[in-house]
Amino acid sequence: MLSDGGGKVGTAFGIYDANGGIETRGRFIIDPDGVVQGFEVLTPPVGRNVSESLRQVQAFQLVRNSKGTEATPSGWKPGKATLKPGPDLVGRVWEVWKTKQAFD
């Protein structure tokens, strides 16, 4: 979390409101290589969910550490089953995920 008084960072990420002189609230998940892996931008009246942000960071770390051999579908939580990306999964994500959930 940071404050960007001059709007440089906000401008770089496209969330700075020059007319209002403020940034829209944004969360960016940036990997160790400096690549933005995920982001969320919300207007001020809507709060953020820190637990969801942490879950997403953990998911990105797991996928990175697996070198792409694992995927974390919607609703995944640390310690739960993952999916193995590949041709056999195409068009069958829900079916495979539902089966894995039954054994989790």
Protein backbone atom coordinates (compact mmCIF):
# COMPACT_ATOMS: atom_id res chain seq x y z
CA MET A 1 0.00 0.00 0.00
CA LEU A 2 1.35 3.41 -0.86
CA SER A 3 0.43 7.03 -1.07
CA ASP A 4 1.32 8.77 -4.31
CA GLY A 5 1.12 12.52 -3.68
CA GLY A 6 2.31 13.56 -7.13
CA GLY A 7 0.36 10.93 -9.06
CA LYS A 8 3.41 9.45 -10.84
CA VAL A 9 2.74 5.85 -9.85
CA GLY A 10 -1.02 6.22 -10.33
CA THR A 11 -0.47 7.68 -13.79
CA ALA A 12 1.85 4.79 -14.74
CA PHE A 13 -0.83 2.28 -13.71
CA GLY A 14 -3.71 4.25 -15.22
CA ILE A 15 -5.57 4.95 -11.97
CA TYR A 16 -4.74 8.62 -11.39
CA ASP A 17 -7.65 11.06 -11.68
CA ALA A 18 -5.92 14.27 -12.79
CA ASN A 19 -9.10 16.35 -12.43
CA GLY A 20 -9.63 15.25 -8.83
CA GLY A 21 -5.93 15.04 -8.02
CA ILE A 22 -6.33 11.54 -6.53
CA GLU A 23 -5.94 7.89 -7.47
CA THR A 24 -8.75 5.42 -7.74
CA ARG A 25 -8.06 2.60 -5.30
CA GLY A 26 -6.05 -0.08 -7.02
CA ARG A 27 -4.36 -3.33 -6.04
CA PHE A 28 -1.63 -4.73 -8.27
CA ILE A 29 0.07 -8.10 -7.83
CA ILE A 30 3.53 -7.84 -9.35
CA ASP A 31 5.80 -10.88 -9.59
CA PRO A 32 9.54 -10.91 -8.79
CA ASP A 33 10.28 -10.25 -12.49
CA GLY A 34 8.24 -7.01 -12.36
CA VAL A 35 5.33 -8.41 -14.38
CA VAL A 36 1.81 -7.45 -13.29
CA GLN A 37 0.04 -10.78 -12.72
CA GLY A 38 -3.24 -9.40 -11.38
CA PHE A 39 -4.97 -6.15 -10.56
CA GLU A 40 -8.22 -4.80 -9.21
CA VAL A 41 -9.43 -1.20 -9.33
CA LEU A 42 -12.39 -0.11 -7.21
CA THR A 43 -14.16 3.19 -6.77
CA PRO A 44 -13.83 4.66 -3.25
CA PRO A 45 -17.27 3.61 -1.94
CA VAL A 46 -16.44 -0.10 -2.40
CA GLY A 47 -14.11 -1.76 0.09
CA ARG A 48 -11.45 -4.31 -0.68
CA ASN A 49 -11.01 -7.80 0.71
CA VAL A 50 -7.55 -8.34 2.17
CA SER A 51 -8.15 -12.08 2.61
CA GLU A 52 -8.89 -12.41 -1.11
CA SER A 53 -5.77 -10.42 -1.98
CA LEU A 54 -3.62 -12.74 0.16
CA ARG A 55 -5.28 -15.83 -1.38
CA GLN A 56 -4.47 -14.53 -4.85
CA VAL A 57 -0.84 -13.84 -3.94
CA GLN A 58 -0.56 -17.41 -2.61
CA ALA A 59 -2.14 -18.76 -5.80
CA PHE A 60 0.28 -16.81 -8.02
CA GLN A 61 3.20 -18.05 -5.90
CA LEU A 62 2.06 -21.67 -6.19
CA VAL A 63 1.66 -21.41 -9.97
CA ARG A 64 5.06 -19.69 -10.31
CA ASN A 65 6.80 -22.26 -8.10
CA SER A 66 5.23 -25.10 -10.10
CA LYS A 67 6.55 -23.50 -13.31
CA GLY A 68 3.03 -23.62 -14.75
CA THR A 69 2.36 -27.31 -14.09
CA GLU A 70 -0.42 -26.43 -11.64
CA ALA A 71 -3.39 -24.07 -11.90
CA THR A 72 -5.59 -22.70 -9.14
CA PRO A 73 -9.24 -22.48 -10.23
CA SER A 74 -11.89 -20.18 -8.83
CA GLY A 75 -12.42 -20.77 -5.13
CA TRP A 76 -9.02 -22.44 -4.65
CA LYS A 77 -7.48 -22.05 -1.19
CA PRO A 78 -3.98 -22.94 0.03
CA GLY A 79 -3.69 -26.66 0.77
CA LYS A 80 -6.57 -27.58 -1.54
CA ALA A 81 -6.37 -29.51 -4.81
CA THR A 82 -5.06 -27.82 -7.94
CA LEU A 83 -5.55 -28.58 -11.61
CA LYS A 84 -2.96 -29.74 -14.12
CA PRO A 85 -3.16 -27.58 -17.27
CA GLY A 86 -3.16 -29.47 -20.56
CA PRO A 87 -5.25 -30.56 -23.54
CA ASP A 88 -7.30 -33.00 -21.43
CA LEU A 89 -8.52 -30.10 -19.27
CA VAL A 90 -9.79 -27.92 -22.13
CA GLY A 91 -13.57 -27.65 -21.92
CA ARG A 92 -13.65 -29.87 -18.82
CA VAL A 93 -12.45 -27.53 -16.03
CA TRP A 94 -15.72 -27.61 -14.08
CA GLU A 95 -16.07 -31.41 -14.40
CA VAL A 96 -12.50 -32.07 -13.24
CA TRP A 97 -12.67 -29.46 -10.46
CA LYS A 98 -16.00 -30.83 -9.17
CA THR A 99 -14.51 -34.35 -9.01
CA LYS A 100 -11.40 -33.11 -7.18
CA GLN A 101 -13.56 -31.20 -4.67
CA ALA A 102 -15.42 -34.40 -3.79
CA PHE A 103 -12.12 -35.94 -2.62
CA ASP A 104 -10.72 -32.83 -0.95
